C-alpha atoms as a PDB file:
ATOM      1  CA  MET A   1      11.180 -49.814  19.714  1.00  0.00           C
ATOM      2  CA  LYS A   2      10.281 -47.099  17.266  1.00  0.00           C
ATOM      3  CA  LYS A   3       7.864 -44.363  18.287  1.00  0.00           C
ATOM      4  CA  ASN A   4       4.762 -43.592  16.131  1.00  0.00           C
ATOM      5  CA  VAL A   5       4.998 -39.937  15.099  1.00  0.00           C
ATOM      6  CA  ALA A   6       1.863 -38.234  13.656  1.00  0.00           C
ATOM      7  CA  VAL A   7       2.999 -35.493  11.328  1.00  0.00           C
ATOM      8  CA  LEU A   8       0.085 -33.043  11.376  1.00  0.00           C
ATOM      9  CA  MET A   9      -0.264 -30.706   8.254  1.00  0.00           C
ATOM     10  CA  GLY A  10      -2.975 -28.838   6.464  1.00  0.00           C
ATOM     11  CA  GLY A  11      -5.274 -26.860   8.725  1.00  0.00           C
ATOM     12  CA  TYR A  12      -8.234 -24.570   8.399  1.00  0.00           C
ATOM     13  CA  SER A  13      -6.685 -21.432   6.985  1.00  0.00           C
ATOM     14  CA  SER A  14      -5.197 -20.003   3.560  1.00  0.00           C
ATOM     15  CA  GLU A  15      -1.908 -21.374   4.669  1.00  0.00           C
ATOM     16  CA  TYR A  16      -3.087 -25.011   3.926  1.00  0.00           C
ATOM     17  CA  ASP A  17      -0.928 -25.606   0.871  1.00  0.00           C
ATOM     18  CA  ILE A  18       2.260 -24.223   2.484  1.00  0.00           C
ATOM     19  CA  SER A  19       1.623 -26.399   5.532  1.00  0.00           C
ATOM     20  CA  ILE A  20       1.294 -29.518   3.311  1.00  0.00           C
ATOM     21  CA  LYS A  21       4.720 -28.764   1.746  1.00  0.00           C
ATOM     22  CA  SER A  22       6.209 -28.019   5.187  1.00  0.00           C
ATOM     23  CA  GLY A  23       4.830 -31.413   6.471  1.00  0.00           C
ATOM     24  CA  GLN A  24       6.321 -33.319   3.571  1.00  0.00           C
ATOM     25  CA  VAL A  25       9.726 -31.869   4.483  1.00  0.00           C
ATOM     26  CA  VAL A  26       9.320 -33.153   7.979  1.00  0.00           C
ATOM     27  CA  LEU A  27       8.241 -36.589   6.718  1.00  0.00           C
ATOM     28  CA  ASP A  28      11.207 -36.901   4.499  1.00  0.00           C
ATOM     29  CA  ASN A  29      13.725 -35.873   7.106  1.00  0.00           C
ATOM     30  CA  LEU A  30      12.480 -37.736  10.207  1.00  0.00           C
ATOM     31  CA  ASP A  31      15.103 -40.321  11.554  1.00  0.00           C
ATOM     32  CA  LYS A  32      13.688 -43.644  10.274  1.00  0.00           C
ATOM     33  CA  GLU A  33      15.684 -45.595  12.573  1.00  0.00           C
ATOM     34  CA  LEU A  34      13.874 -43.950  15.589  1.00  0.00           C
ATOM     35  CA  TYR A  35      10.461 -43.116  14.332  1.00  0.00           C
ATOM     36  CA  LEU A  36       7.562 -44.392  12.308  1.00  0.00           C
ATOM     37  CA  ALA A  37       6.110 -41.418  10.551  1.00  0.00           C
ATOM     38  CA  PHE A  38       2.376 -41.032   9.633  1.00  0.00           C
ATOM     39  CA  LYS A  39       1.091 -38.264   7.431  1.00  0.00           C
ATOM     40  CA  ILE A  40      -1.951 -36.690   9.092  1.00  0.00           C
ATOM     41  CA  VAL A  41      -3.796 -34.167   6.970  1.00  0.00           C
ATOM     42  CA  ILE A  42      -6.130 -31.790   9.118  1.00  0.00           C
ATOM     43  CA  ARG A  43      -9.111 -30.390   7.353  1.00  0.00           C
ATOM     44  CA  SER A  44     -12.130 -28.575   8.749  1.00  0.00           C
ATOM     45  CA  ASP A  45     -14.424 -31.524   7.649  1.00  0.00           C
ATOM     46  CA  GLU A  46     -12.164 -34.404   8.425  1.00  0.00           C
ATOM     47  CA  TRP A  47      -8.829 -35.673   9.811  1.00  0.00           C
ATOM     48  CA  ILE A  48      -7.170 -38.369   7.852  1.00  0.00           C
ATOM     49  CA  TYR A  49      -4.131 -40.527   7.613  1.00  0.00           C
ATOM     50  CA  LEU A  50      -2.716 -40.769   4.118  1.00  0.00           C
ATOM     51  CA  ASP A  51      -0.447 -43.764   3.351  1.00  0.00           C
ATOM     52  CA  ASN A  52       2.201 -44.004   0.717  1.00  0.00           C
ATOM     53  CA  ASP A  53      -0.384 -44.877  -1.888  1.00  0.00           C
ATOM     54  CA  ASN A  54      -2.642 -41.994  -0.811  1.00  0.00           C
ATOM     55  CA  ASN A  55      -5.210 -44.342   0.672  1.00  0.00           C
ATOM     56  CA  LYS A  56      -7.306 -42.506   3.202  1.00  0.00           C
ATOM     57  CA  PHE A  57      -7.894 -43.655   6.854  1.00  0.00           C
ATOM     58  CA  LYS A  58     -10.164 -41.673   9.219  1.00  0.00           C
ATOM     59  CA  ILE A  59      -8.524 -40.446  12.362  1.00  0.00           C
ATOM     60  CA  SER A  60     -10.582 -40.963  15.498  1.00  0.00           C
ATOM     61  CA  LYS A  61     -10.666 -37.734  17.539  1.00  0.00           C
ATOM     62  CA  ASP A  62     -11.721 -39.822  20.717  1.00  0.00           C
ATOM     63  CA  ASP A  63      -8.105 -40.929  21.345  1.00  0.00           C
ATOM     64  CA  PHE A  64      -6.293 -39.748  18.228  1.00  0.00           C
ATOM     65  CA  SER A  65      -5.838 -43.086  16.644  1.00  0.00           C
ATOM     66  CA  VAL A  66      -6.466 -44.775  13.315  1.00  0.00           C
ATOM     67  CA  GLN A  67      -7.720 -48.127  12.264  1.00  0.00           C
ATOM     68  CA  ILE A  68      -5.712 -49.831   9.445  1.00  0.00           C
ATOM     69  CA  LYS A  69      -6.686 -53.395   8.302  1.00  0.00           C
ATOM     70  CA  ASN A  70      -8.422 -54.177  11.646  1.00  0.00           C
ATOM     71  CA  LYS A  71      -5.372 -52.945  13.659  1.00  0.00           C
ATOM     72  CA  LYS A  72      -5.679 -49.847  15.917  1.00  0.00           C
ATOM     73  CA  ILE A  73      -2.604 -47.637  15.816  1.00  0.00           C
ATOM     74  CA  LYS A  74      -2.120 -45.023  18.502  1.00  0.00           C
ATOM     75  CA  PHE A  75       0.332 -42.232  18.268  1.00  0.00           C
ATOM     76  CA  ASP A  76       3.044 -41.501  20.781  1.00  0.00           C
ATOM     77  CA  ILE A  77       3.587 -37.948  19.758  1.00  0.00           C
ATOM     78  CA  ALA A  78       2.173 -35.280  17.529  1.00  0.00           C
ATOM     79  CA  PHE A  79       4.571 -33.282  15.326  1.00  0.00           C
ATOM     80  CA  ILE A  80       2.539 -30.094  14.551  1.00  0.00           C
ATOM     81  CA  ILE A  81       3.467 -28.379  11.381  1.00  0.00           C
ATOM     82  CA  VAL A  82       0.128 -26.771  10.658  1.00  0.00           C
ATOM     83  CA  HIS A  83       0.453 -23.151   9.920  1.00  0.00           C
ATOM     84  CA  GLY A  84      -2.446 -20.923  10.940  1.00  0.00           C
ATOM     85  CA  SER A  85      -5.434 -22.470  12.659  1.00  0.00           C
ATOM     86  CA  PRO A  86      -5.701 -24.873  14.321  1.00  0.00           C
ATOM     87  CA  GLY A  87      -1.884 -25.405  14.649  1.00  0.00           C
ATOM     88  CA  GLU A  88      -0.570 -22.039  15.602  1.00  0.00           C
ATOM     89  CA  ASP A  89      -3.658 -20.600  17.600  1.00  0.00           C
ATOM     90  CA  GLY A  90      -3.616 -23.226  20.501  1.00  0.00           C
ATOM     91  CA  LEU A  91      -6.490 -25.341  19.369  1.00  0.00           C
ATOM     92  CA  LEU A  92      -4.575 -28.449  18.481  1.00  0.00           C
ATOM     93  CA  GLN A  93      -2.468 -27.866  21.596  1.00  0.00           C
ATOM     94  CA  SER A  94      -5.506 -27.755  23.830  1.00  0.00           C
ATOM     95  CA  TYR A  95      -6.887 -30.988  22.172  1.00  0.00           C
ATOM     96  CA  PHE A  96      -3.643 -32.829  22.857  1.00  0.00           C
ATOM     97  CA  ASP A  97      -3.367 -31.514  26.329  1.00  0.00           C
ATOM     98  CA  LEU A  98      -6.891 -32.929  27.110  1.00  0.00           C
ATOM     99  CA  ILE A  99      -6.193 -36.447  25.768  1.00  0.00           C
ATOM    100  CA  GLY A 100      -2.548 -36.611  27.071  1.00  0.00           C
ATOM    101  CA  ILE A 101      -0.460 -36.938  23.943  1.00  0.00           C
ATOM    102  CA  PRO A 102       2.769 -34.892  23.835  1.00  0.00           C
ATOM    103  CA  TYR A 103       3.355 -32.547  21.042  1.00  0.00           C
ATOM    104  CA  THR A 104       6.091 -30.365  19.477  1.00  0.00           C
ATOM    105  CA  GLY A 105       6.280 -26.628  19.945  1.00  0.00           C
ATOM    106  CA  CYS A 106       4.548 -24.285  22.348  1.00  0.00           C
ATOM    107  CA  SER A 107       1.849 -24.705  24.870  1.00  0.00           C
ATOM    108  CA  ALA A 108      -1.775 -23.812  24.001  1.00  0.00           C
ATOM    109  CA  TYR A 109      -1.615 -20.387  25.757  1.00  0.00           C
ATOM    110  CA  THR A 110       1.613 -19.331  24.138  1.00  0.00           C
ATOM    111  CA  SER A 111       0.561 -20.425  20.770  1.00  0.00           C
ATOM    112  CA  ALA A 112      -2.553 -18.461  20.989  1.00  0.00           C
ATOM    113  CA  LEU A 113      -0.749 -15.393  22.368  1.00  0.00           C
ATOM    114  CA  THR A 114       1.888 -15.333  19.544  1.00  0.00           C
ATOM    115  CA  PHE A 115      -0.633 -16.032  16.859  1.00  0.00           C
ATOM    116  CA  ASN A 116      -2.509 -12.797  17.855  1.00  0.00           C
ATOM    117  CA  LYS A 117      -0.297 -10.030  16.628  1.00  0.00           C
ATOM    118  CA  ARG A 118      -2.079  -7.296  18.639  1.00  0.00           C
ATOM    119  CA  ASP A 119      -2.044  -9.152  21.964  1.00  0.00           C
ATOM    120  CA  CYS A 120       1.528 -10.335  21.419  1.00  0.00           C
ATOM    121  CA  ILE A 121       2.882  -6.757  20.872  1.00  0.00           C
ATOM    122  CA  SER A 122       0.807  -5.487  23.809  1.00  0.00           C
ATOM    123  CA  VAL A 123       2.464  -8.149  26.136  1.00  0.00           C
ATOM    124  CA  LEU A 124       5.961  -7.503  24.653  1.00  0.00           C
ATOM    125  CA  GLN A 125       5.632  -3.796  25.277  1.00  0.00           C
ATOM    126  CA  LYS A 126       5.684  -4.536  28.997  1.00  0.00           C
ATOM    127  CA  TYR A 127       9.164  -5.864  28.520  1.00  0.00           C
ATOM    128  CA  ASN A 128      10.233  -2.652  26.662  1.00  0.00           C
ATOM    129  CA  ILE A 129      10.272  -4.402  23.169  1.00  0.00           C
ATOM    130  CA  PRO A 130       9.940  -1.627  20.626  1.00  0.00           C
ATOM    131  CA  SER A 131       7.157  -1.820  17.928  1.00  0.00           C
ATOM    132  CA  ALA A 132       5.523   0.361  15.277  1.00  0.00           C
ATOM    133  CA  LYS A 133       2.807   2.604  16.431  1.00  0.00           C
ATOM    134  CA  SER A 134      -0.583   0.883  15.722  1.00  0.00           C
ATOM    135  CA  ILE A 135      -4.176   1.129  15.912  1.00  0.00           C
ATOM    136  CA  ASN A 136      -6.540  -1.927  16.448  1.00  0.00           C
ATOM    137  CA  LEU A 137      -9.923  -2.462  14.746  1.00  0.00           C
ATOM    138  CA  ASN A 138     -12.632  -5.046  15.386  1.00  0.00           C
ATOM    139  CA  LEU A 139     -15.138  -6.101  12.575  1.00  0.00           C
ATOM    140  CA  GLY A 140     -17.995  -3.606  12.783  1.00  0.00           C
ATOM    141  CA  ASP A 141     -15.865  -0.619  14.095  1.00  0.00           C
ATOM    142  CA  ASP A 142     -16.447   2.704  12.488  1.00  0.00           C
ATOM    143  CA  ILE A 143     -13.320   3.204  10.091  1.00  0.00           C
ATOM    144  CA  ASN A 144     -12.183   6.837  10.601  1.00  0.00           C
ATOM    145  CA  GLU A 145      -9.772   7.438   7.859  1.00  0.00           C
ATOM    146  CA  ASP A 146      -8.852  10.992   8.952  1.00  0.00           C
ATOM    147  CA  MET A 147      -8.029   9.870  12.577  1.00  0.00           C
ATOM    148  CA  ILE A 148      -6.096   6.797  11.339  1.00  0.00           C
ATOM    149  CA  THR A 149      -3.844   8.629   8.878  1.00  0.00           C
ATOM    150  CA  LYS A 150      -3.361  11.471  11.423  1.00  0.00           C
ATOM    151  CA  THR A 151      -2.306   9.023  14.138  1.00  0.00           C
ATOM    152  CA  ILE A 152      -0.320   6.476  12.070  1.00  0.00           C
ATOM    153  CA  GLY A 153       0.780   8.412   9.027  1.00  0.00           C
ATOM    154  CA  LEU A 154       1.190   7.298   5.392  1.00  0.00           C
ATOM    155  CA  PRO A 155       2.146   5.038   4.097  1.00  0.00           C
ATOM    156  CA  CYS A 156       0.973   2.394   6.598  1.00  0.00           C
ATOM    157  CA  PHE A 157       0.392  -1.360   6.810  1.00  0.00           C
ATOM    158  CA  VAL A 158      -3.030  -2.876   7.153  1.00  0.00           C
ATOM    159  CA  LYS A 159      -2.830  -6.430   8.614  1.00  0.00           C
ATOM    160  CA  ALA A 160      -5.251  -9.221   9.309  1.00  0.00           C
ATOM    161  CA  ASN A 161      -4.464  -9.727  13.043  1.00  0.00           C
ATOM    162  CA  LYS A 162      -4.452 -13.530  13.208  1.00  0.00           C
ATOM    163  CA  SER A 163      -3.078 -14.505   9.743  1.00  0.00           C
ATOM    164  CA  GLY A 164       0.263 -15.692   8.351  1.00  0.00           C
ATOM    165  CA  SER A 165       2.296 -15.620   5.066  1.00  0.00           C
ATOM    166  CA  SER A 166       1.183 -12.168   4.471  1.00  0.00           C
ATOM    167  CA  PHE A 167      -2.474 -13.105   3.691  1.00  0.00           C
ATOM    168  CA  GLY A 168      -4.588 -10.142   4.297  1.00  0.00           C
ATOM    169  CA  VAL A 169      -1.616  -7.671   4.527  1.00  0.00           C
ATOM    170  CA  PHE A 170      -1.789  -4.348   2.437  1.00  0.00           C
ATOM    171  CA  LYS A 171       0.670  -1.431   2.093  1.00  0.00           C
ATOM    172  CA  VAL A 172      -1.511   1.734   1.849  1.00  0.00           C
ATOM    173  CA  TYR A 173      -0.099   4.984   0.314  1.00  0.00           C
ATOM    174  CA  ASN A 174      -3.257   7.023   0.024  1.00  0.00           C
ATOM    175  CA  LYS A 175      -6.068   7.796   2.494  1.00  0.00           C
ATOM    176  CA  GLU A 176      -8.467   6.910  -0.400  1.00  0.00           C
ATOM    177  CA  ASP A 177      -7.208   3.391  -0.323  1.00  0.00           C
ATOM    178  CA  LEU A 178      -7.350   2.835   3.382  1.00  0.00           C
ATOM    179  CA  LYS A 179     -10.931   1.883   3.911  1.00  0.00           C
ATOM    180  CA  ARG A 180     -10.815  -0.677   1.059  1.00  0.00           C
ATOM    181  CA  SER A 181      -7.639  -2.273   2.370  1.00  0.00           C
ATOM    182  CA  ILE A 182      -9.155  -2.580   5.868  1.00  0.00           C
ATOM    183  CA  GLU A 183     -12.321  -4.257   4.461  1.00  0.00           C
ATOM    184  CA  ASN A 184     -10.217  -6.682   2.423  1.00  0.00           C
ATOM    185  CA  SER A 185      -8.273  -7.532   5.678  1.00  0.00           C
ATOM    186  CA  PHE A 186     -11.529  -8.113   7.399  1.00  0.00           C
ATOM    187  CA  LYS A 187     -12.254 -10.846   4.779  1.00  0.00           C
ATOM    188  CA  ILE A 188      -9.421 -12.785   6.396  1.00  0.00           C
ATOM    189  CA  ASP A 189      -9.963 -11.994   9.975  1.00  0.00           C
ATOM    190  CA  ASN A 190     -12.436 -10.179  12.278  1.00  0.00           C
ATOM    191  CA  GLU A 191      -9.583  -8.155  13.916  1.00  0.00           C
ATOM    192  CA  VAL A 192      -7.304  -5.778  11.801  1.00  0.00           C
ATOM    193  CA  LEU A 193      -4.032  -3.999  12.840  1.00  0.00           C
ATOM    194  CA  VAL A 194      -3.119  -0.676  11.254  1.00  0.00           C
ATOM    195  CA  GLU A 195       0.694  -0.135  11.743  1.00  0.00           C
ATOM    196  CA  ALA A 196       2.886   2.813  10.910  1.00  0.00           C
ATOM    197  CA  PHE A 197       5.423   2.134   8.226  1.00  0.00           C
ATOM    198  CA  LEU A 198       8.973   1.552   9.360  1.00  0.00           C
ATOM    199  CA  ASP A 199      11.588   2.303   6.745  1.00  0.00           C
ATOM    200  CA  GLY A 200      14.662   0.109   7.527  1.00  0.00           C
ATOM    201  CA  ILE A 201      16.414  -3.120   7.140  1.00  0.00           C
ATOM    202  CA  GLU A 202      13.982  -6.093   7.636  1.00  0.00           C
ATOM    203  CA  VAL A 203      15.304  -9.327   9.198  1.00  0.00           C
ATOM    204  CA  SER A 204      14.071 -12.710  10.212  1.00  0.00           C
ATOM    205  CA  VAL A 205      15.507 -14.378  13.264  1.00  0.00           C
ATOM    206  CA  GLY A 206      15.289 -17.986  13.984  1.00  0.00           C
ATOM    207  CA  VAL A 207      15.471 -19.117  17.594  1.00  0.00           C
ATOM    208  CA  MET A 208      15.177 -22.473  19.192  1.00  0.00           C
ATOM    209  CA  ASN A 209      15.944 -24.045  22.559  1.00  0.00           C
ATOM    210  CA  TYR A 210      18.462 -26.454  21.166  1.00  0.00           C
ATOM    211  CA  ARG A 211      19.996 -29.075  23.413  1.00  0.00           C
ATOM    212  CA  LYS A 212      19.043 -27.056  26.495  1.00  0.00           C
ATOM    213  CA  ASN A 213      20.389 -23.763  25.137  1.00  0.00           C
ATOM    214  CA  VAL A 214      18.349 -21.009  23.614  1.00  0.00           C
ATOM    215  CA  GLU A 215      20.143 -20.096  20.486  1.00  0.00           C
ATOM    216  CA  VAL A 216      19.750 -17.841  17.432  1.00  0.00           C
ATOM    217  CA  PHE A 217      20.008 -20.064  14.429  1.00  0.00           C
ATOM    218  CA  GLY A 218      20.500 -17.304  11.964  1.00  0.00           C
ATOM    219  CA  ILE A 219      19.704 -13.647  11.130  1.00  0.00           C
ATOM    220  CA  THR A 220      18.246 -13.352   7.630  1.00  0.00           C
ATOM    221  CA  GLN A 221      17.874 -10.092   5.692  1.00  0.00           C
ATOM    222  CA  LEU A 222      14.734  -9.818   3.632  1.00  0.00           C
ATOM    223  CA  VAL A 223      14.960  -7.786   0.466  1.00  0.00           C
ATOM    224  CA  SER A 224      11.727  -8.002  -1.570  1.00  0.00           C
ATOM    225  CA  ASP A 225      11.442  -7.488  -5.320  1.00  0.00           C
ATOM    226  CA  ASN A 226       7.873  -6.282  -4.555  1.00  0.00           C
ATOM    227  CA  ASP A 227       6.751  -3.329  -2.452  1.00  0.00           C
ATOM    228  CA  PHE A 228       7.078  -5.445   0.710  1.00  0.00           C
ATOM    229  CA  PHE A 229       7.851  -9.025   1.787  1.00  0.00           C
ATOM    230  CA  ASP A 230       4.366 -10.336   0.688  1.00  0.00           C
ATOM    231  CA  TYR A 231       3.269 -13.844  -0.267  1.00  0.00           C
ATOM    232  CA  GLU A 232       4.991 -13.732  -3.709  1.00  0.00           C
ATOM    233  CA  ALA A 233       8.242 -12.550  -2.166  1.00  0.00           C
ATOM    234  CA  LYS A 234       7.951 -15.347   0.364  1.00  0.00           C
ATOM    235  CA  TYR A 235       7.034 -18.309  -1.733  1.00  0.00           C
ATOM    236  CA  GLU A 236       7.494 -17.379  -5.500  1.00  0.00           C
ATOM    237  CA  GLY A 237      11.170 -16.230  -5.474  1.00  0.00           C
ATOM    238  CA  LYS A 238      10.397 -12.558  -5.731  1.00  0.00           C
ATOM    239  CA  SER A 239      12.903 -11.597  -3.026  1.00  0.00           C
ATOM    240  CA  LYS A 240      16.496 -12.058  -1.850  1.00  0.00           C
ATOM    241  CA  GLU A 241      17.133 -13.667   1.582  1.00  0.00           C
ATOM    242  CA  ILE A 242      20.597 -12.915   2.826  1.00  0.00           C
ATOM    243  CA  THR A 243      21.976 -15.169   5.448  1.00  0.00           C
ATOM    244  CA  PRO A 244      23.816 -13.938   7.507  1.00  0.00           C
ATOM    245  CA  ALA A 245      22.179 -10.415   7.272  1.00  0.00           C
ATOM    246  CA  ASN A 246      24.293  -7.685   5.977  1.00  0.00           C
ATOM    247  CA  ILE A 247      24.054  -5.676   9.168  1.00  0.00           C
ATOM    248  CA  SER A 248      26.619  -4.244  11.660  1.00  0.00           C
ATOM    249  CA  GLU A 249      27.921  -5.999  14.752  1.00  0.00           C
ATOM    250  CA  ILE A 250      25.943  -3.806  17.034  1.00  0.00           C
ATOM    251  CA  GLN A 251      22.777  -4.485  15.073  1.00  0.00           C
ATOM    252  CA  LYS A 252      23.469  -8.106  15.113  1.00  0.00           C
ATOM    253  CA  LYS A 253      24.094  -7.946  18.862  1.00  0.00           C
ATOM    254  CA  ASN A 254      20.948  -6.086  19.520  1.00  0.00           C
ATOM    255  CA  VAL A 255      18.626  -8.226  17.459  1.00  0.00           C
ATOM    256  CA  THR A 256      20.234 -11.493  18.936  1.00  0.00           C
ATOM    257  CA  GLU A 257      19.596 -10.239  22.538  1.00  0.00           C
ATOM    258  CA  ILE A 258      16.042  -9.044  21.906  1.00  0.00           C
ATOM    259  CA  SER A 259      15.074 -12.307  20.012  1.00  0.00           C
ATOM    260  CA  LYS A 260      16.154 -14.481  22.890  1.00  0.00           C
ATOM    261  CA  LYS A 261      14.569 -12.152  25.435  1.00  0.00           C
ATOM    262  CA  ILE A 262      11.230 -12.552  23.519  1.00  0.00           C
ATOM    263  CA  TYR A 263      11.589 -16.293  23.367  1.00  0.00           C
ATOM    264  CA  LYS A 264      12.091 -16.584  27.044  1.00  0.00           C
ATOM    265  CA  LYS A 265       9.552 -13.964  28.096  1.00  0.00           C
ATOM    266  CA  LEU A 266       6.923 -15.452  26.033  1.00  0.00           C
ATOM    267  CA  GLY A 267       7.709 -18.990  27.296  1.00  0.00           C
ATOM    268  CA  LEU A 268       8.251 -20.298  23.760  1.00  0.00           C
ATOM    269  CA  LYS A 269       9.349 -23.752  23.020  1.00  0.00           C
ATOM    270  CA  GLY A 270      10.615 -25.554  20.004  1.00  0.00           C
ATOM    271  CA  LEU A 271      11.189 -23.505  16.823  1.00  0.00           C
ATOM    272  CA  SER A 272      10.360 -19.751  16.323  1.00  0.00           C
ATOM    273  CA  ARG A 273      10.931 -17.044  13.890  1.00  0.00           C
ATOM    274  CA  SER A 274      10.687 -13.468  14.672  1.00  0.00           C
ATOM    275  CA  GLU A 275      10.514 -10.531  12.347  1.00  0.00           C
ATOM    276  CA  PHE A 276      12.050  -7.163  12.909  1.00  0.00           C
ATOM    277  CA  ILE A 277      12.866  -3.859  11.235  1.00  0.00           C
ATOM    278  CA  PHE A 278      15.878  -1.806  12.130  1.00  0.00           C
ATOM    279  CA  ILE A 279      15.548   1.943  12.727  1.00  0.00           C
ATOM    280  CA  GLY A 280      19.158   2.883  13.143  1.00  0.00           C
ATOM    281  CA  ASP A 281      20.635   0.141  15.332  1.00  0.00           C
ATOM    282  CA  LYS A 282      17.313  -0.598  17.110  1.00  0.00           C
ATOM    283  CA  PRO A 283      15.197  -3.605  16.107  1.00  0.00           C
ATOM    284  CA  TYR A 284      11.484  -3.047  16.111  1.00  0.00           C
ATOM    285  CA  PHE A 285       9.391  -6.182  16.591  1.00  0.00           C
ATOM    286  CA  LEU A 286       6.806  -6.980  13.925  1.00  0.00           C
ATOM    287  CA  GLU A 287       5.522 -10.571  14.597  1.00  0.00           C
ATOM    288  CA  ILE A 288       6.485 -14.000  15.701  1.00  0.00           C
ATOM    289  CA  ASN A 289       5.727 -17.477  14.198  1.00  0.00           C
ATOM    290  CA  SER A 290       5.557 -20.361  16.565  1.00  0.00           C
ATOM    291  CA  VAL A 291       5.280 -22.886  13.730  1.00  0.00           C
ATOM    292  CA  PRO A 292       7.731 -21.421  11.063  1.00  0.00           C
ATOM    293  CA  GLY A 293       7.551 -22.719   7.560  1.00  0.00           C
ATOM    294  CA  MET A 294       9.600 -25.818   6.616  1.00  0.00           C
ATOM    295  CA  THR A 295       9.359 -25.763   2.840  1.00  0.00           C
ATOM    296  CA  GLN A 296      12.250 -25.712   0.576  1.00  0.00           C
ATOM    297  CA  GLU A 297      11.837 -21.880   0.240  1.00  0.00           C
ATOM    298  CA  SER A 298      11.529 -21.339   4.058  1.00  0.00           C
ATOM    299  CA  ILE A 299      13.954 -19.322   6.082  1.00  0.00           C
ATOM    300  CA  PHE A 300      14.419 -21.560   9.147  1.00  0.00           C
ATOM    301  CA  PRO A 301      15.718 -24.668   7.322  1.00  0.00           C
ATOM    302  CA  LYS A 302      18.158 -22.506   5.445  1.00  0.00           C
ATOM    303  CA  GLN A 303      19.389 -21.030   8.664  1.00  0.00           C
ATOM    304  CA  ALA A 304      19.789 -24.476  10.259  1.00  0.00           C
ATOM    305  CA  LYS A 305      21.850 -25.650   7.270  1.00  0.00           C
ATOM    306  CA  ILE A 306      24.277 -22.752   7.541  1.00  0.00           C
ATOM    307  CA  LYS A 307      24.613 -23.376  11.172  1.00  0.00           C
ATOM    308  CA  GLY A 308      25.459 -27.035  10.451  1.00  0.00           C
ATOM    309  CA  ILE A 309      22.490 -28.583  11.901  1.00  0.00           C
ATOM    310  CA  SER A 310      20.666 -31.211   9.722  1.00  0.00           C
ATOM    311  CA  LEU A 311      16.890 -31.359   9.535  1.00  0.00           C
ATOM    312  CA  LYS A 312      16.953 -34.840  10.840  1.00  0.00           C
ATOM    313  CA  ASN A 313      18.823 -33.784  14.050  1.00  0.00           C
ATOM    314  CA  LEU A 314      16.658 -30.622  14.363  1.00  0.00           C
ATOM    315  CA  PHE A 315      13.375 -32.694  14.194  1.00  0.00           C
ATOM    316  CA  SER A 316      14.741 -35.397  16.537  1.00  0.00           C
ATOM    317  CA  GLU A 317      15.482 -32.698  19.094  1.00  0.00           C
ATOM    318  CA  LEU A 318      12.048 -31.279  18.842  1.00  0.00           C
ATOM    319  CA  ILE A 319      10.554 -34.826  19.319  1.00  0.00           C
ATOM    320  CA  LYS A 320      12.923 -35.406  22.309  1.00  0.00           C
ATOM    321  CA  GLN A 321      11.848 -32.209  23.903  1.00  0.00           C
ATOM    322  CA  ALA A 322       8.223 -32.831  23.488  1.00  0.00           C
ATOM    323  CA  ILE A 323       8.527 -36.303  25.079  1.00  0.00           C
ATOM    324  CA  GLU A 324      10.606 -35.063  28.012  1.00  0.00           C
END
């Protein structure tokens, strides 16, 4: 008997549109012989099921079910492909834990930890994972440009702490632009990270526990046409993504080992994608995505293709793990 799979997409953040695209890729590639897929769109004001004719049916949050033509449908599993909140910060995972429905990806705790750049970096430092020097700011803190530039140096990066797809990220060259950039990041999140600029090769590493073995799916070199790997570079073609990355064997070995170490130490499950910058042969950790993009432009699907793993098999493995 086919299992009812709710493919959750959308969300409450600026990554809503990207999540919708990712969700459609999942819907298009689920094994139709094994699963009945349902398109579930999550918004802050409503959760709905959209059928093939775009008819809307309200989701009951009491038991995560939907009523269609006097028939109540309950879902066997939640396939979470919501980027940002509530899909990457642990909120959906906590909800499904409470009502007892299995879901793809990380636990609520791990999702919340990896979504918070500041806290994730702090935890990983305990495991000797190198990262850029940084300063943390909360909304309402005094912004001391002299102290920040003296500690961090210029240029530097200002990042909204809990945000993806480079929303709320700014590269700052001059002290005069620092406060404005921080204030703009605070429009995205109430926590901001100011990081030292690392001048080196940037790579994105896909990792998954695939058939009971933690594997690196690929190492992709990121070369932006813009000043850094921002939203335009990621989603509007203003970059080159080179897979496999043009790096040395020792760099490949180092970033493979550190990516798998991070995956295991943080207790990650399902897909993940970690970002690093090489200084010499040493990879410095930037951030990790526990629900990486699955759009046609996204990195992880391209890595899986080069590795010879179809999206159908990839998604079936995720569902199998969640049920187990």
